[in-house]
Amino acid sequence: MSKTAMIRARTELKLKSKVERIFEALGLTASQAINLFYHRVELENGLPFDLKIPNPTTYHAIMDVENKKNLRSYSHVETMLKDLKK
């Protein structure tokens, strides 16, 4: 058996409970899930998902949606598609 090391981390209680229910449904313990994550980081030589900072245009669009500003609504798809072609 290979040597093992202890990992200690803090996380939100609600998040831990929700995630551990998902692990249980997948048949995994938290330790097994953490080991899977570590193996994927090793395999990918980085995080196994993209982390990106949005460009200014995307950031402003996200802020507009969150603040419900500068939004358009359409009652028909055809009207929206015509507007998008402009």
N, C-alpha and C. Protein backbone atom coordinates (compact mmCIF):
# COMPACT_ATOMS: atom_id res chain seq x y z
N MET A 1 0.85 -1.19 0.00
CA MET A 1 0.00 0.00 0.00
C MET A 1 0.88 1.24 0.00
N SER A 2 0.52 2.23 -0.81
CA SER A 2 1.32 3.45 -0.88
C SER A 2 1.07 4.31 0.36
N LYS A 3 1.99 5.19 0.62
CA LYS A 3 1.86 6.09 1.76
C LYS A 3 0.72 7.07 1.50
N THR A 4 0.08 7.50 2.55
CA THR A 4 -1.02 8.46 2.43
C THR A 4 -0.69 9.70 3.24
N ALA A 5 -1.38 10.79 2.92
CA ALA A 5 -1.20 12.04 3.64
C ALA A 5 -2.57 12.58 4.02
N MET A 6 -2.61 13.32 5.10
CA MET A 6 -3.86 13.90 5.59
C MET A 6 -4.07 15.26 4.94
N ILE A 7 -5.30 15.54 4.52
CA ILE A 7 -5.69 16.85 4.00
C ILE A 7 -6.74 17.40 4.94
N ARG A 8 -6.56 18.63 5.36
CA ARG A 8 -7.55 19.29 6.21
C ARG A 8 -8.02 20.55 5.50
N ALA A 9 -9.31 20.73 5.43
CA ALA A 9 -9.86 21.90 4.75
C ALA A 9 -11.17 22.29 5.43
N ARG A 10 -11.51 23.54 5.35
CA ARG A 10 -12.78 24.02 5.89
C ARG A 10 -13.69 24.38 4.72
N THR A 11 -14.98 24.11 4.89
CA THR A 11 -15.97 24.47 3.89
C THR A 11 -17.27 24.77 4.60
N GLU A 12 -18.20 25.37 3.89
CA GLU A 12 -19.50 25.69 4.47
C GLU A 12 -20.25 24.41 4.80
N LEU A 13 -20.93 24.40 5.93
CA LEU A 13 -21.64 23.21 6.40
C LEU A 13 -22.71 22.77 5.40
N LYS A 14 -23.51 23.73 4.89
CA LYS A 14 -24.58 23.37 3.94
C LYS A 14 -23.99 22.78 2.66
N LEU A 15 -22.92 23.39 2.18
CA LEU A 15 -22.27 22.89 0.97
C LEU A 15 -21.75 21.47 1.19
N LYS A 16 -21.10 21.25 2.32
CA LYS A 16 -20.57 19.91 2.64
C LYS A 16 -21.70 18.88 2.66
N SER A 17 -22.80 19.20 3.29
CA SER A 17 -23.93 18.26 3.39
C SER A 17 -24.49 17.94 2.01
N LYS A 18 -24.71 18.97 1.19
CA LYS A 18 -25.27 18.76 -0.15
C LYS A 18 -24.33 17.92 -1.01
N VAL A 19 -23.05 18.25 -0.98
CA VAL A 19 -22.08 17.56 -1.81
C VAL A 19 -21.90 16.11 -1.35
N GLU A 20 -21.89 15.88 -0.05
CA GLU A 20 -21.73 14.51 0.42
C GLU A 20 -22.94 13.64 0.06
N ARG A 21 -24.13 14.24 -0.04
CA ARG A 21 -25.30 13.47 -0.52
C ARG A 21 -25.09 13.08 -1.99
N ILE A 22 -24.52 13.96 -2.76
CA ILE A 22 -24.22 13.65 -4.17
C ILE A 22 -23.18 12.53 -4.24
N PHE A 23 -22.12 12.66 -3.43
CA PHE A 23 -21.11 11.60 -3.40
C PHE A 23 -21.74 10.26 -3.05
N GLU A 24 -22.62 10.27 -2.05
CA GLU A 24 -23.28 9.03 -1.62
C GLU A 24 -24.08 8.42 -2.77
N ALA A 25 -24.80 9.27 -3.51
CA ALA A 25 -25.58 8.78 -4.64
C ALA A 25 -24.67 8.18 -5.72
N LEU A 26 -23.45 8.69 -5.81
CA LEU A 26 -22.48 8.17 -6.77
C LEU A 26 -21.69 6.99 -6.23
N GLY A 27 -21.92 6.65 -4.96
CA GLY A 27 -21.20 5.54 -4.36
C GLY A 27 -19.79 5.89 -3.93
N LEU A 28 -19.56 7.18 -3.64
CA LEU A 28 -18.23 7.65 -3.26
C LEU A 28 -18.22 8.19 -1.84
N THR A 29 -17.09 8.05 -1.18
CA THR A 29 -16.87 8.77 0.07
C THR A 29 -16.25 10.12 -0.29
N ALA A 30 -16.21 11.00 0.68
CA ALA A 30 -15.57 12.30 0.45
C ALA A 30 -14.09 12.10 0.12
N SER A 31 -13.44 11.16 0.81
CA SER A 31 -12.02 10.89 0.54
C SER A 31 -11.81 10.38 -0.89
N GLN A 32 -12.69 9.51 -1.34
CA GLN A 32 -12.56 9.00 -2.71
C GLN A 32 -12.78 10.12 -3.73
N ALA A 33 -13.74 10.99 -3.47
CA ALA A 33 -14.01 12.10 -4.39
C ALA A 33 -12.83 13.07 -4.43
N ILE A 34 -12.24 13.35 -3.28
CA ILE A 34 -11.06 14.23 -3.24
C ILE A 34 -9.90 13.59 -4.00
N ASN A 35 -9.71 12.28 -3.82
CA ASN A 35 -8.65 11.59 -4.56
C ASN A 35 -8.90 11.63 -6.07
N LEU A 36 -10.15 11.48 -6.48
CA LEU A 36 -10.49 11.60 -7.91
C LEU A 36 -10.12 12.98 -8.42
N PHE A 37 -10.47 14.00 -7.66
CA PHE A 37 -10.15 15.37 -8.04
C PHE A 37 -8.63 15.55 -8.17
N TYR A 38 -7.88 15.07 -7.20
CA TYR A 38 -6.43 15.19 -7.25
C TYR A 38 -5.84 14.46 -8.46
N HIS A 39 -6.36 13.27 -8.75
CA HIS A 39 -5.88 12.52 -9.92
C HIS A 39 -6.17 13.29 -11.21
N ARG A 40 -7.34 13.90 -11.29
CA ARG A 40 -7.68 14.68 -12.49
C ARG A 40 -6.77 15.90 -12.62
N VAL A 41 -6.48 16.57 -11.52
CA VAL A 41 -5.57 17.71 -11.56
C VAL A 41 -4.20 17.26 -12.07
N GLU A 42 -3.75 16.12 -11.58
CA GLU A 42 -2.46 15.58 -12.03
C GLU A 42 -2.52 15.25 -13.53
N LEU A 43 -3.59 14.59 -13.96
CA LEU A 43 -3.74 14.20 -15.36
C LEU A 43 -3.80 15.41 -16.29
N GLU A 44 -4.56 16.42 -15.88
CA GLU A 44 -4.75 17.62 -16.71
C GLU A 44 -3.60 18.61 -16.55
N ASN A 45 -2.77 18.39 -15.54
CA ASN A 45 -1.71 19.35 -15.19
C ASN A 45 -2.32 20.72 -14.89
N GLY A 46 -3.45 20.71 -14.23
CA GLY A 46 -4.19 21.92 -13.87
C GLY A 46 -5.57 21.53 -13.43
N LEU A 47 -6.40 22.50 -13.18
CA LEU A 47 -7.77 22.19 -12.76
C LEU A 47 -8.53 21.52 -13.89
N PRO A 48 -9.39 20.55 -13.55
CA PRO A 48 -10.12 19.81 -14.59
C PRO A 48 -11.35 20.54 -15.11
N PHE A 49 -11.36 21.85 -14.98
CA PHE A 49 -12.44 22.69 -15.51
C PHE A 49 -11.87 24.08 -15.73
N ASP A 50 -12.53 24.85 -16.59
CA ASP A 50 -12.03 26.18 -16.91
C ASP A 50 -12.39 27.18 -15.83
N LEU A 51 -11.44 28.00 -15.47
CA LEU A 51 -11.66 29.16 -14.62
C LEU A 51 -11.30 30.37 -15.46
N LYS A 52 -12.26 31.23 -15.68
CA LYS A 52 -12.01 32.37 -16.54
C LYS A 52 -12.53 33.64 -15.91
N ILE A 53 -11.82 34.71 -16.14
CA ILE A 53 -12.30 36.03 -15.77
C ILE A 53 -12.96 36.59 -17.03
N PRO A 54 -14.23 36.97 -16.95
CA PRO A 54 -14.90 37.43 -18.17
C PRO A 54 -14.29 38.72 -18.71
N ASN A 55 -14.31 38.84 -20.04
CA ASN A 55 -13.84 40.07 -20.66
C ASN A 55 -14.82 41.19 -20.31
N PRO A 56 -14.45 42.46 -20.53
CA PRO A 56 -15.32 43.57 -20.13
C PRO A 56 -16.74 43.50 -20.72
N THR A 57 -16.87 43.09 -21.97
CA THR A 57 -18.19 43.01 -22.60
C THR A 57 -19.06 41.98 -21.89
N THR A 58 -18.50 40.80 -21.63
CA THR A 58 -19.24 39.75 -20.94
C THR A 58 -19.56 40.17 -19.51
N TYR A 59 -18.59 40.79 -18.83
CA TYR A 59 -18.81 41.24 -17.46
C TYR A 59 -19.98 42.22 -17.39
N HIS A 60 -20.00 43.20 -18.30
CA HIS A 60 -21.09 44.19 -18.30
C HIS A 60 -22.43 43.52 -18.62
N ALA A 61 -22.43 42.54 -19.51
CA ALA A 61 -23.67 41.82 -19.81
C ALA A 61 -24.17 41.07 -18.59
N ILE A 62 -23.26 40.43 -17.85
CA ILE A 62 -23.64 39.72 -16.63
C ILE A 62 -24.21 40.70 -15.61
N MET A 63 -23.55 41.84 -15.44
CA MET A 63 -24.02 42.85 -14.49
C MET A 63 -25.40 43.39 -14.89
N ASP A 64 -25.61 43.60 -16.20
CA ASP A 64 -26.91 44.07 -16.68
C ASP A 64 -28.00 43.07 -16.32
N VAL A 65 -27.75 41.80 -16.51
CA VAL A 65 -28.75 40.77 -16.19
C VAL A 65 -29.01 40.76 -14.68
N GLU A 66 -27.94 40.79 -13.89
CA GLU A 66 -28.12 40.77 -12.44
C GLU A 66 -28.87 41.99 -11.94
N ASN A 67 -28.63 43.14 -12.58
CA ASN A 67 -29.29 44.39 -12.16
C ASN A 67 -30.56 44.69 -12.94
N LYS A 68 -30.93 43.78 -13.85
CA LYS A 68 -32.13 43.94 -14.69
C LYS A 68 -32.13 45.29 -15.41
N LYS A 69 -30.98 45.58 -16.06
CA LYS A 69 -30.82 46.81 -16.82
C LYS A 69 -30.49 46.46 -18.27
N ASN A 70 -30.88 47.37 -19.19
CA ASN A 70 -30.53 47.24 -20.60
C ASN A 70 -30.95 45.90 -21.20
N LEU A 71 -32.08 45.40 -20.77
CA LEU A 71 -32.57 44.11 -21.27
C LEU A 71 -33.69 44.34 -22.27
N ARG A 72 -33.79 43.47 -23.23
CA ARG A 72 -34.88 43.51 -24.19
C ARG A 72 -35.72 42.25 -24.01
N SER A 73 -37.01 42.40 -24.21
CA SER A 73 -37.87 41.21 -24.19
C SER A 73 -38.67 41.18 -25.48
N TYR A 74 -39.04 40.01 -25.87
CA TYR A 74 -39.75 39.80 -27.12
C TYR A 74 -40.95 38.90 -26.88
N SER A 75 -42.01 39.18 -27.61
CA SER A 75 -43.19 38.32 -27.49
C SER A 75 -43.18 37.22 -28.55
N HIS A 76 -42.32 37.37 -29.58
CA HIS A 76 -42.23 36.37 -30.63
C HIS A 76 -40.77 36.11 -30.98
N VAL A 77 -40.43 34.87 -31.18
CA VAL A 77 -39.07 34.47 -31.52
C VAL A 77 -38.63 35.13 -32.82
N GLU A 78 -39.53 35.20 -33.79
CA GLU A 78 -39.18 35.77 -35.09
C GLU A 78 -38.71 37.22 -34.95
N THR A 79 -39.36 37.98 -34.10
CA THR A 79 -38.97 39.37 -33.87
C THR A 79 -37.58 39.44 -33.26
N MET A 80 -37.31 38.58 -32.31
CA MET A 80 -36.00 38.56 -31.68
C MET A 80 -34.92 38.21 -32.71
N LEU A 81 -35.18 37.19 -33.54
CA LEU A 81 -34.19 36.78 -34.53
C LEU A 81 -33.93 37.91 -35.53
N LYS A 82 -34.95 38.61 -35.95
CA LYS A 82 -34.75 39.75 -36.85
C LYS A 82 -33.89 40.82 -36.20
N ASP A 83 -34.16 41.09 -34.91
CA ASP A 83 -33.40 42.10 -34.17
C ASP A 83 -31.93 41.67 -34.03
N LEU A 84 -31.67 40.39 -33.84
CA LEU A 84 -30.32 39.90 -33.70
C LEU A 84 -29.52 40.02 -35.00
N LYS A 85 -30.20 39.97 -36.13
CA LYS A 85 -29.53 40.06 -37.43
C LYS A 85 -29.09 41.47 -37.76
N LYS A 86 -29.60 42.46 -37.04
CA LYS A 86 -29.24 43.86 -37.32
C LYS A 86 -27.81 44.16 -36.98
